[in-house]
Amino acid sequence: MDVRTVRLVPGGPMLVEGPVRIVGEDGTEVTSDRFVVAVCRCHRSGIYPLCDTSHRRSARAPRR
């Protein structure tokens, strides 16, 4: 079994050594073959569960 490294970026995403398959709460799957994958932790990303750097905005947008 290969061991993957996961790094938590303060105020940012979770960086996971790839390739990865992410299974969402609703069962949807996202795969990435990148060397390092940024996984969103703030739920602001437009491509969630992957990070699109939306965490860099200063204030959280109101939920609708």
PDB file of N, CA and C in Angstrom:
ATOM      1  N   MET A   1       0.843  -1.188   0.000  1.00  0.00           N
ATOM      2  CA  MET A   1       0.000   0.000   0.000  1.00  0.00           C
ATOM      3  C   MET A   1       0.885   1.246   0.000  1.00  0.00           C
ATOM      4  N   ASP A   2       0.626   2.151  -0.946  1.00  0.00           N
ATOM      5  CA  ASP A   2       1.378   3.400  -1.013  1.00  0.00           C
ATOM      6  C   ASP A   2       0.852   4.378   0.031  1.00  0.00           C
ATOM      7  N   VAL A   3       1.769   5.095   0.651  1.00  0.00           N
ATOM      8  CA  VAL A   3       1.403   6.112   1.623  1.00  0.00           C
ATOM      9  C   VAL A   3       1.404   7.459   0.913  1.00  0.00           C
ATOM     10  N   ARG A   4       0.317   8.204   1.038  1.00  0.00           N
ATOM     11  CA  ARG A   4       0.201   9.532   0.433  1.00  0.00           C
ATOM     12  C   ARG A   4       0.472  10.588   1.494  1.00  0.00           C
ATOM     13  N   THR A   5       1.068  11.678   1.080  1.00  0.00           N
ATOM     14  CA  THR A   5       1.297  12.803   1.979  1.00  0.00           C
ATOM     15  C   THR A   5       0.189  13.818   1.779  1.00  0.00           C
ATOM     16  N   VAL A   6      -0.380  14.289   2.884  1.00  0.00           N
ATOM     17  CA  VAL A   6      -1.417  15.323   2.872  1.00  0.00           C
ATOM     18  C   VAL A   6      -0.888  16.491   3.691  1.00  0.00           C
ATOM     19  N   ARG A   7      -0.908  17.694   3.088  1.00  0.00           N
ATOM     20  CA  ARG A   7      -0.452  18.895   3.786  1.00  0.00           C
ATOM     21  C   ARG A   7      -1.607  19.874   3.878  1.00  0.00           C
ATOM     22  N   LEU A   8      -1.840  20.422   5.071  1.00  0.00           N
ATOM     23  CA  LEU A   8      -2.870  21.433   5.261  1.00  0.00           C
ATOM     24  C   LEU A   8      -2.215  22.804   5.165  1.00  0.00           C
ATOM     25  N   VAL A   9      -2.712  23.630   4.258  1.00  0.00           N
ATOM     26  CA  VAL A   9      -2.193  24.978   4.068  1.00  0.00           C
ATOM     27  C   VAL A   9      -3.012  25.914   4.956  1.00  0.00           C
ATOM     28  N   PRO A  10      -2.370  26.655   5.877  1.00  0.00           N
ATOM     29  CA  PRO A  10      -3.129  27.557   6.746  1.00  0.00           C
ATOM     30  C   PRO A  10      -3.973  28.539   5.925  1.00  0.00           C
ATOM     31  N   GLY A  11      -5.273  28.536   6.161  1.00  0.00           N
ATOM     32  CA  GLY A  11      -6.175  29.422   5.430  1.00  0.00           C
ATOM     33  C   GLY A  11      -6.380  29.025   3.984  1.00  0.00           C
ATOM     34  N   GLY A  12      -5.927  27.841   3.610  1.00  0.00           N
ATOM     35  CA  GLY A  12      -6.011  27.420   2.214  1.00  0.00           C
ATOM     36  C   GLY A  12      -6.445  25.976   2.073  1.00  0.00           C
ATOM     37  N   PRO A  13      -6.048  25.372   0.961  1.00  0.00           N
ATOM     38  CA  PRO A  13      -6.518  24.021   0.656  1.00  0.00           C
ATOM     39  C   PRO A  13      -5.722  22.932   1.369  1.00  0.00           C
ATOM     40  N   MET A  14      -6.165  21.731   1.159  1.00  0.00           N
ATOM     41  CA  MET A  14      -5.446  20.541   1.578  1.00  0.00           C
ATOM     42  C   MET A  14      -4.715  20.038   0.330  1.00  0.00           C
ATOM     43  N   LEU A  15      -3.407  19.885   0.413  1.00  0.00           N
ATOM     44  CA  LEU A  15      -2.611  19.417  -0.720  1.00  0.00           C
ATOM     45  C   LEU A  15      -2.366  17.922  -0.562  1.00  0.00           C
ATOM     46  N   VAL A  16      -2.756  17.156  -1.573  1.00  0.00           N
ATOM     47  CA  VAL A  16      -2.654  15.701  -1.531  1.00  0.00           C
ATOM     48  C   VAL A  16      -1.777  15.252  -2.695  1.00  0.00           C
ATOM     49  N   GLU A  17      -0.812  14.381  -2.409  1.00  0.00           N
ATOM     50  CA  GLU A  17      -0.003  13.822  -3.487  1.00  0.00           C
ATOM     51  C   GLU A  17      -0.905  12.977  -4.367  1.00  0.00           C
ATOM     52  N   GLY A  18      -0.852  13.224  -5.685  1.00  0.00           N
ATOM     53  CA  GLY A  18      -1.712  12.523  -6.622  1.00  0.00           C
ATOM     54  C   GLY A  18      -1.049  11.311  -7.209  1.00  0.00           C
ATOM     55  N   PRO A  19      -1.732  10.615  -8.050  1.00  0.00           N
ATOM     56  CA  PRO A  19      -3.111  10.869  -8.477  1.00  0.00           C
ATOM     57  C   PRO A  19      -4.101  10.502  -7.378  1.00  0.00           C
ATOM     58  N   VAL A  20      -5.306  11.101  -7.455  1.00  0.00           N
ATOM     59  CA  VAL A  20      -6.324  10.862  -6.428  1.00  0.00           C
ATOM     60  C   VAL A  20      -7.695  10.656  -7.059  1.00  0.00           C
ATOM     61  N   ARG A  21      -8.552  10.010  -6.294  1.00  0.00           N
ATOM     62  CA  ARG A  21      -9.982   9.920  -6.605  1.00  0.00           C
ATOM     63  C   ARG A  21     -10.688  10.420  -5.354  1.00  0.00           C
ATOM     64  N   ILE A  22     -11.523  11.440  -5.512  1.00  0.00           N
ATOM     65  CA  ILE A  22     -12.260  12.025  -4.394  1.00  0.00           C
ATOM     66  C   ILE A  22     -13.718  11.616  -4.547  1.00  0.00           C
ATOM     67  N   VAL A  23     -14.271  11.034  -3.499  1.00  0.00           N
ATOM     68  CA  VAL A  23     -15.675  10.638  -3.501  1.00  0.00           C
ATOM     69  C   VAL A  23     -16.412  11.602  -2.575  1.00  0.00           C
ATOM     70  N   GLY A  24     -17.393  12.335  -3.138  1.00  0.00           N
ATOM     71  CA  GLY A  24     -18.157  13.316  -2.375  1.00  0.00           C
ATOM     72  C   GLY A  24     -19.212  12.681  -1.496  1.00  0.00           C
ATOM     73  N   GLU A  25     -19.810  13.494  -0.643  1.00  0.00           N
ATOM     74  CA  GLU A  25     -20.859  13.034   0.268  1.00  0.00           C
ATOM     75  C   GLU A  25     -22.024  12.407  -0.471  1.00  0.00           C
ATOM     76  N   ASP A  26     -22.299  12.907  -1.674  1.00  0.00           N
ATOM     77  CA  ASP A  26     -23.430  12.395  -2.451  1.00  0.00           C
ATOM     78  C   ASP A  26     -23.018  11.250  -3.383  1.00  0.00           C
ATOM     79  N   GLY A  27     -21.775  10.808  -3.276  1.00  0.00           N
ATOM     80  CA  GLY A  27     -21.301   9.685  -4.078  1.00  0.00           C
ATOM     81  C   GLY A  27     -20.663  10.063  -5.403  1.00  0.00           C
ATOM     82  N   THR A  28     -20.692  11.353  -5.759  1.00  0.00           N
ATOM     83  CA  THR A  28     -20.044  11.770  -6.995  1.00  0.00           C
ATOM     84  C   THR A  28     -18.535  11.620  -6.853  1.00  0.00           C
ATOM     85  N   GLU A  29     -17.873  11.342  -7.961  1.00  0.00           N
ATOM     86  CA  GLU A  29     -16.429  11.131  -7.944  1.00  0.00           C
ATOM     87  C   GLU A  29     -15.719  12.132  -8.845  1.00  0.00           C
ATOM     88  N   VAL A  30     -14.574  12.597  -8.376  1.00  0.00           N
ATOM     89  CA  VAL A  30     -13.695  13.467  -9.144  1.00  0.00           C
ATOM     90  C   VAL A  30     -12.327  12.804  -9.126  1.00  0.00           C
ATOM     91  N   THR A  31     -11.694  12.693 -10.272  1.00  0.00           N
ATOM     92  CA  THR A  31     -10.349  12.119 -10.325  1.00  0.00           C
ATOM     93  C   THR A  31      -9.373  13.145 -10.881  1.00  0.00           C
ATOM     94  N   SER A  32      -8.136  13.032 -10.448  1.00  0.00           N
ATOM     95  CA  SER A  32      -7.081  13.907 -10.950  1.00  0.00           C
ATOM     96  C   SER A  32      -5.791  13.102 -11.003  1.00  0.00           C
ATOM     97  N   ASP A  33      -5.075  13.236 -12.094  1.00  0.00           N
ATOM     98  CA  ASP A  33      -3.797  12.539 -12.228  1.00  0.00           C
ATOM     99  C   ASP A  33      -2.612  13.474 -12.010  1.00  0.00           C
ATOM    100  N   ARG A  34      -2.880  14.645 -11.470  1.00  0.00           N
ATOM    101  CA  ARG A  34      -1.794  15.599 -11.198  1.00  0.00           C
ATOM    102  C   ARG A  34      -0.874  15.083 -10.103  1.00  0.00           C
ATOM    103  N   PHE A  35       0.336  15.617 -10.074  1.00  0.00           N
ATOM    104  CA  PHE A  35       1.329  15.228  -9.078  1.00  0.00           C
ATOM    105  C   PHE A  35       0.892  15.641  -7.672  1.00  0.00           C
ATOM    106  N   VAL A  36       0.327  16.842  -7.548  1.00  0.00           N
ATOM    107  CA  VAL A  36      -0.229  17.335  -6.282  1.00  0.00           C
ATOM    108  C   VAL A  36      -1.597  17.920  -6.589  1.00  0.00           C
ATOM    109  N   VAL A  37      -2.577  17.567  -5.769  1.00  0.00           N
ATOM    110  CA  VAL A  37      -3.951  18.019  -5.969  1.00  0.00           C
ATOM    111  C   VAL A  37      -4.353  18.898  -4.789  1.00  0.00           C
ATOM    112  N   ALA A  38      -4.926  20.070  -5.076  1.00  0.00           N
ATOM    113  CA  ALA A  38      -5.406  20.972  -4.037  1.00  0.00           C
ATOM    114  C   ALA A  38      -6.894  20.719  -3.825  1.00  0.00           C
ATOM    115  N   VAL A  39      -7.242  20.274  -2.610  1.00  0.00           N
ATOM    116  CA  VAL A  39      -8.624  19.968  -2.261  1.00  0.00           C
ATOM    117  C   VAL A  39      -9.167  21.117  -1.415  1.00  0.00           C
ATOM    118  N   CYS A  40     -10.308  21.658  -1.823  1.00  0.00           N
ATOM    119  CA  CYS A  40     -10.914  22.804  -1.154  1.00  0.00           C
ATOM    120  C   CYS A  40     -11.374  22.445   0.250  1.00  0.00           C
ATOM    121  N   ARG A  41     -11.098  23.334   1.221  1.00  0.00           N
ATOM    122  CA  ARG A  41     -11.585  23.153   2.587  1.00  0.00           C
ATOM    123  C   ARG A  41     -12.578  24.236   2.988  1.00  0.00           C
ATOM    124  N   CYS A  42     -12.724  25.294   2.182  1.00  0.00           N
ATOM    125  CA  CYS A  42     -13.584  26.413   2.566  1.00  0.00           C
ATOM    126  C   CYS A  42     -14.950  26.373   1.893  1.00  0.00           C
ATOM    127  N   HIS A  43     -15.136  25.491   0.946  1.00  0.00           N
ATOM    128  CA  HIS A  43     -16.388  25.335   0.188  1.00  0.00           C
ATOM    129  C   HIS A  43     -16.726  26.543  -0.676  1.00  0.00           C
ATOM    130  N   ARG A  44     -15.763  27.406  -0.961  1.00  0.00           N
ATOM    131  CA  ARG A  44     -16.002  28.571  -1.828  1.00  0.00           C
ATOM    132  C   ARG A  44     -15.692  28.277  -3.289  1.00  0.00           C
ATOM    133  N   SER A  45     -15.000  27.203  -3.561  1.00  0.00           N
ATOM    134  CA  SER A  45     -14.519  26.897  -4.903  1.00  0.00           C
ATOM    135  C   SER A  45     -15.655  26.658  -5.888  1.00  0.00           C
ATOM    136  N   GLY A  46     -15.506  27.190  -7.080  1.00  0.00           N
ATOM    137  CA  GLY A  46     -16.461  26.952  -8.144  1.00  0.00           C
ATOM    138  C   GLY A  46     -16.293  25.581  -8.775  1.00  0.00           C
ATOM    139  N   ILE A  47     -15.180  24.910  -8.456  1.00  0.00           N
ATOM    140  CA  ILE A  47     -14.935  23.565  -8.967  1.00  0.00           C
ATOM    141  C   ILE A  47     -14.807  22.568  -7.817  1.00  0.00           C
ATOM    142  N   TYR A  48     -15.502  22.852  -6.713  1.00  0.00           N
ATOM    143  CA  TYR A  48     -15.463  22.008  -5.526  1.00  0.00           C
ATOM    144  C   TYR A  48     -15.714  20.553  -5.905  1.00  0.00           C
ATOM    145  N   PRO A  49     -14.969  19.614  -5.404  1.00  0.00           N
ATOM    146  CA  PRO A  49     -14.098  19.642  -4.230  1.00  0.00           C
ATOM    147  C   PRO A  49     -12.656  20.064  -4.517  1.00  0.00           C
ATOM    148  N   LEU A  50     -12.351  20.417  -5.753  1.00  0.00           N
ATOM    149  CA  LEU A  50     -11.010  20.903  -6.061  1.00  0.00           C
ATOM    150  C   LEU A  50     -10.926  22.396  -5.786  1.00  0.00           C
ATOM    151  N   CYS A  51      -9.765  22.857  -5.435  1.00  0.00           N
ATOM    152  CA  CYS A  51      -9.550  24.264  -5.082  1.00  0.00           C
ATOM    153  C   CYS A  51      -9.347  25.121  -6.334  1.00  0.00           C
ATOM    154  N   ASP A  52      -9.989  26.296  -6.361  1.00  0.00           N
ATOM    155  CA  ASP A  52      -9.758  27.259  -7.443  1.00  0.00           C
ATOM    156  C   ASP A  52      -9.223  28.585  -6.897  1.00  0.00           C
ATOM    157  N   THR A  53      -8.668  28.579  -5.706  1.00  0.00           N
ATOM    158  CA  THR A  53      -8.093  29.712  -4.966  1.00  0.00           C
ATOM    159  C   THR A  53      -9.132  30.723  -4.501  1.00  0.00           C
ATOM    160  N   SER A  54     -10.396  30.355  -4.472  1.00  0.00           N
ATOM    161  CA  SER A  54     -11.436  31.263  -3.972  1.00  0.00           C
ATOM    162  C   SER A  54     -11.241  31.595  -2.502  1.00  0.00           C
ATOM    163  N   HIS A  55     -10.490  30.783  -1.771  1.00  0.00           N
ATOM    164  CA  HIS A  55     -10.233  31.050  -0.358  1.00  0.00           C
ATOM    165  C   HIS A  55      -9.467  32.357  -0.161  1.00  0.00           C
ATOM    166  N   ARG A  56      -8.911  32.892  -1.215  1.00  0.00           N
ATOM    167  CA  ARG A  56      -8.142  34.138  -1.101  1.00  0.00           C
ATOM    168  C   ARG A  56      -9.033  35.362  -0.953  1.00  0.00           C
ATOM    169  N   ARG A  57     -10.341  35.217  -1.233  1.00  0.00           N
ATOM    170  CA  ARG A  57     -11.265  36.341  -1.027  1.00  0.00           C
ATOM    171  C   ARG A  57     -11.310  36.656   0.459  1.00  0.00           C
ATOM    172  N   SER A  58     -11.459  37.927   0.803  1.00  0.00           N
ATOM    173  CA  SER A  58     -11.374  38.329   2.206  1.00  0.00           C
ATOM    174  C   SER A  58     -12.624  37.976   3.014  1.00  0.00           C
ATOM    175  N   ALA A  59     -13.778  37.978   2.403  1.00  0.00           N
ATOM    176  CA  ALA A  59     -15.000  37.691   3.149  1.00  0.00           C
ATOM    177  C   ALA A  59     -15.781  36.574   2.478  1.00  0.00           C
ATOM    178  N   ARG A  60     -16.392  35.741   3.290  1.00  0.00           N
ATOM    179  CA  ARG A  60     -17.183  34.647   2.768  1.00  0.00           C
ATOM    180  C   ARG A  60     -18.478  35.195   2.178  1.00  0.00           C
ATOM    181  N   ALA A  61     -18.807  34.764   0.971  1.00  0.00           N
ATOM    182  CA  ALA A  61     -20.029  35.208   0.317  1.00  0.00           C
ATOM    183  C   ALA A  61     -21.234  34.594   1.025  1.00  0.00           C
ATOM    184  N   PRO A  62     -22.339  35.344   1.141  1.00  0.00           N
ATOM    185  CA  PRO A  62     -23.513  34.786   1.817  1.00  0.00           C
ATOM    186  C   PRO A  62     -24.087  33.614   1.018  1.00  0.00           C
ATOM    187  N   ARG A  63     -24.553  32.613   1.744  1.00  0.00           N
ATOM    188  CA  ARG A  63     -25.165  31.450   1.092  1.00  0.00           C
ATOM    189  C   ARG A  63     -26.574  31.794   0.682  1.00  0.00           C
ATOM    190  N   ARG A  64     -26.981  31.240  -0.444  1.00  0.00           N
ATOM    191  CA  ARG A  64     -28.341  31.468  -0.930  1.00  0.00           C
ATOM    192  C   ARG A  64     -29.180  30.249  -0.756  1.00  0.00           C
TER     193      ARG A  64
END
